């Protein structure tokens, strides 16, 4: 089991700072939107979060639908962060990056 936290881009703050949204940049302002528990671990849990935030509800299993019902906002996109047990995964243009990878 993993503890998942979702941080989505704060578009108001990005606009105020004259930054580009949907950039795979660690420095983008984000806001915490949801915490849940997943059966998945590590990057697989980040992939699951991407699916939950982007797939139509009919493509989700019962547990995934329960997560979706807790939050309805914009989808998880490039520049958003999924934290899995304290390790942050940045949604990149293709796949995921971690702070550990970027050091």
C-alpha atoms as a PDB file:
ATOM      1  CA  UNK A   1       0.000   0.000   0.000  1.00  0.00           C
ATOM      2  CA  UNK A   2       1.195   3.507  -0.813  1.00  0.00           C
ATOM      3  CA  UNK A   3       0.168   6.933   0.412  1.00  0.00           C
ATOM      4  CA  UNK A   4      -0.506   9.161  -2.574  1.00  0.00           C
ATOM      5  CA  UNK A   5      -0.683  12.959  -2.661  1.00  0.00           C
ATOM      6  CA  UNK A   6      -1.630  14.869  -5.793  1.00  0.00           C
ATOM      7  CA  UNK A   7      -0.334  18.387  -6.511  1.00  0.00           C
ATOM      8  CA  UNK A   8      -1.772  20.108  -9.577  1.00  0.00           C
ATOM      9  CA  UNK A   9      -0.536  23.286 -11.190  1.00  0.00           C
ATOM     10  CA  UNK A  10      -1.917  26.477  -9.679  1.00  0.00           C
ATOM     11  CA  UNK A  11      -2.868  28.275 -12.885  1.00  0.00           C
ATOM     12  CA  UNK A  12      -3.666  31.573 -11.125  1.00  0.00           C
ATOM     13  CA  UNK A  13      -0.188  31.701  -9.567  1.00  0.00           C
ATOM     14  CA  UNK A  14       1.447  30.655 -12.846  1.00  0.00           C
ATOM     15  CA  UNK A  15      -0.305  33.464 -14.718  1.00  0.00           C
ATOM     16  CA  UNK A  16       0.617  36.002 -12.020  1.00  0.00           C
ATOM     17  CA  UNK A  17       4.262  34.945 -12.213  1.00  0.00           C
ATOM     18  CA  UNK A  18       4.170  35.042 -16.013  1.00  0.00           C
ATOM     19  CA  UNK A  19       5.222  31.394 -16.276  1.00  0.00           C
ATOM     20  CA  UNK A  20       4.276  28.758 -18.830  1.00  0.00           C
ATOM     21  CA  UNK A  21       1.776  26.136 -17.685  1.00  0.00           C
ATOM     22  CA  UNK A  22       2.080  22.490 -18.708  1.00  0.00           C
ATOM     23  CA  UNK A  23       5.866  22.578 -18.504  1.00  0.00           C
ATOM     24  CA  UNK A  24       7.795  19.742 -16.866  1.00  0.00           C
ATOM     25  CA  UNK A  25       9.432  22.175 -14.479  1.00  0.00           C
ATOM     26  CA  UNK A  26       9.853  21.489 -10.751  1.00  0.00           C
ATOM     27  CA  UNK A  27       9.519  25.223 -10.007  1.00  0.00           C
ATOM     28  CA  UNK A  28       5.900  25.598 -11.147  1.00  0.00           C
ATOM     29  CA  UNK A  29       3.517  26.671  -8.380  1.00  0.00           C
ATOM     30  CA  UNK A  30       1.222  23.798  -7.457  1.00  0.00           C
ATOM     31  CA  UNK A  31      -1.571  23.210  -4.997  1.00  0.00           C
ATOM     32  CA  UNK A  32      -2.352  20.087  -3.023  1.00  0.00           C
ATOM     33  CA  UNK A  33      -5.682  18.648  -4.164  1.00  0.00           C
ATOM     34  CA  UNK A  34      -6.045  15.074  -2.923  1.00  0.00           C
ATOM     35  CA  UNK A  35      -4.621  12.350  -0.688  1.00  0.00           C
ATOM     36  CA  UNK A  36      -5.547   8.675  -0.970  1.00  0.00           C
ATOM     37  CA  UNK A  37      -4.163   5.170  -0.473  1.00  0.00           C
ATOM     38  CA  UNK A  38      -3.238   2.939  -3.393  1.00  0.00           C
ATOM     39  CA  UNK A  39      -2.473  -0.758  -3.725  1.00  0.00           C
ATOM     40  CA  UNK A  40       0.230   0.204  -6.232  1.00  0.00           C
ATOM     41  CA  UNK A  41       3.806   1.239  -5.418  1.00  0.00           C
ATOM     42  CA  UNK A  42       6.421   3.622  -6.826  1.00  0.00           C
ATOM     43  CA  UNK A  43       6.018   4.717 -10.465  1.00  0.00           C
ATOM     44  CA  UNK A  44       3.145   2.264 -10.979  1.00  0.00           C
ATOM     45  CA  UNK A  45       1.177   4.282  -8.405  1.00  0.00           C
ATOM     46  CA  UNK A  46       1.927   7.492 -10.341  1.00  0.00           C
ATOM     47  CA  UNK A  47       0.651   5.805 -13.518  1.00  0.00           C
ATOM     48  CA  UNK A  48      -2.492   4.754 -11.672  1.00  0.00           C
ATOM     49  CA  UNK A  49      -3.039   8.360 -10.521  1.00  0.00           C
ATOM     50  CA  UNK A  50      -2.659   9.566 -14.118  1.00  0.00           C
ATOM     51  CA  UNK A  51      -5.288   7.039 -15.217  1.00  0.00           C
ATOM     52  CA  UNK A  52      -7.665   7.995 -12.398  1.00  0.00           C
ATOM     53  CA  UNK A  53      -7.429  11.702 -13.240  1.00  0.00           C
ATOM     54  CA  UNK A  54      -7.776  11.255 -17.009  1.00  0.00           C
ATOM     55  CA  UNK A  55      -9.823   8.175 -17.925  1.00  0.00           C
ATOM     56  CA  UNK A  56     -13.616   8.169 -18.255  1.00  0.00           C
ATOM     57  CA  UNK A  57     -15.235   6.781 -15.099  1.00  0.00           C
ATOM     58  CA  UNK A  58     -16.550   3.711 -16.945  1.00  0.00           C
ATOM     59  CA  UNK A  59     -12.917   2.639 -17.525  1.00  0.00           C
ATOM     60  CA  UNK A  60     -12.080   2.750 -13.790  1.00  0.00           C
ATOM     61  CA  UNK A  61     -12.512  -0.016 -11.242  1.00  0.00           C
ATOM     62  CA  UNK A  62     -14.548   0.540  -8.073  1.00  0.00           C
ATOM     63  CA  UNK A  63     -11.582   1.705  -5.944  1.00  0.00           C
ATOM     64  CA  UNK A  64     -10.446   4.147  -8.647  1.00  0.00           C
ATOM     65  CA  UNK A  65     -13.976   5.570  -8.964  1.00  0.00           C
ATOM     66  CA  UNK A  66     -14.016   6.216  -5.203  1.00  0.00           C
ATOM     67  CA  UNK A  67     -10.855   8.323  -5.597  1.00  0.00           C
ATOM     68  CA  UNK A  68     -12.318  10.262  -8.533  1.00  0.00           C
ATOM     69  CA  UNK A  69     -15.444  11.055  -6.524  1.00  0.00           C
ATOM     70  CA  UNK A  70     -13.276  12.870  -3.944  1.00  0.00           C
ATOM     71  CA  UNK A  71     -11.962  15.380  -6.490  1.00  0.00           C
ATOM     72  CA  UNK A  72     -13.251  16.812  -9.715  1.00  0.00           C
ATOM     73  CA  UNK A  73     -11.088  19.421 -11.335  1.00  0.00           C
ATOM     74  CA  UNK A  74      -8.705  19.551 -14.227  1.00  0.00           C
ATOM     75  CA  UNK A  75      -6.939  16.392 -15.340  1.00  0.00           C
ATOM     76  CA  UNK A  76      -3.443  15.387 -14.255  1.00  0.00           C
ATOM     77  CA  UNK A  77      -1.101  16.805 -16.891  1.00  0.00           C
ATOM     78  CA  UNK A  78       2.512  17.612 -17.709  1.00  0.00           C
ATOM     79  CA  UNK A  79       3.924  19.650 -14.837  1.00  0.00           C
ATOM     80  CA  UNK A  80       1.743  18.104 -12.125  1.00  0.00           C
ATOM     81  CA  UNK A  81       3.272  16.065  -9.285  1.00  0.00           C
ATOM     82  CA  UNK A  82       2.234  12.737  -7.786  1.00  0.00           C
ATOM     83  CA  UNK A  83       3.895  12.013  -4.449  1.00  0.00           C
ATOM     84  CA  UNK A  84       4.158   8.311  -3.620  1.00  0.00           C
ATOM     85  CA  UNK A  85       5.267   7.582  -0.048  1.00  0.00           C
ATOM     86  CA  UNK A  86       7.251  10.825   0.017  1.00  0.00           C
ATOM     87  CA  UNK A  87       8.947  10.421  -3.400  1.00  0.00           C
ATOM     88  CA  UNK A  88       7.756  13.020  -5.909  1.00  0.00           C
ATOM     89  CA  UNK A  89       7.042  12.060  -9.515  1.00  0.00           C
ATOM     90  CA  UNK A  90       6.813  14.948 -11.984  1.00  0.00           C
ATOM     91  CA  UNK A  91       4.578  14.261 -14.978  1.00  0.00           C
ATOM     92  CA  UNK A  92       6.885  14.925 -17.939  1.00  0.00           C
ATOM     93  CA  UNK A  93       6.180  15.209 -21.646  1.00  0.00           C
ATOM     94  CA  UNK A  94       6.882  11.490 -21.822  1.00  0.00           C
ATOM     95  CA  UNK A  95       6.763   9.452 -18.616  1.00  0.00           C
ATOM     96  CA  UNK A  96       7.846  10.579 -15.155  1.00  0.00           C
ATOM     97  CA  UNK A  97      10.852  12.257 -13.552  1.00  0.00           C
ATOM     98  CA  UNK A  98      11.774  12.184  -9.893  1.00  0.00           C
ATOM     99  CA  UNK A  99      13.749  14.709  -7.881  1.00  0.00           C
ATOM    100  CA  UNK A 100      16.195  11.892  -7.230  1.00  0.00           C
ATOM    101  CA  UNK A 101      16.713  11.505 -11.020  1.00  0.00           C
ATOM    102  CA  UNK A 102      17.206  15.259 -11.511  1.00  0.00           C
ATOM    103  CA  UNK A 103      19.993  15.652  -8.937  1.00  0.00           C
END
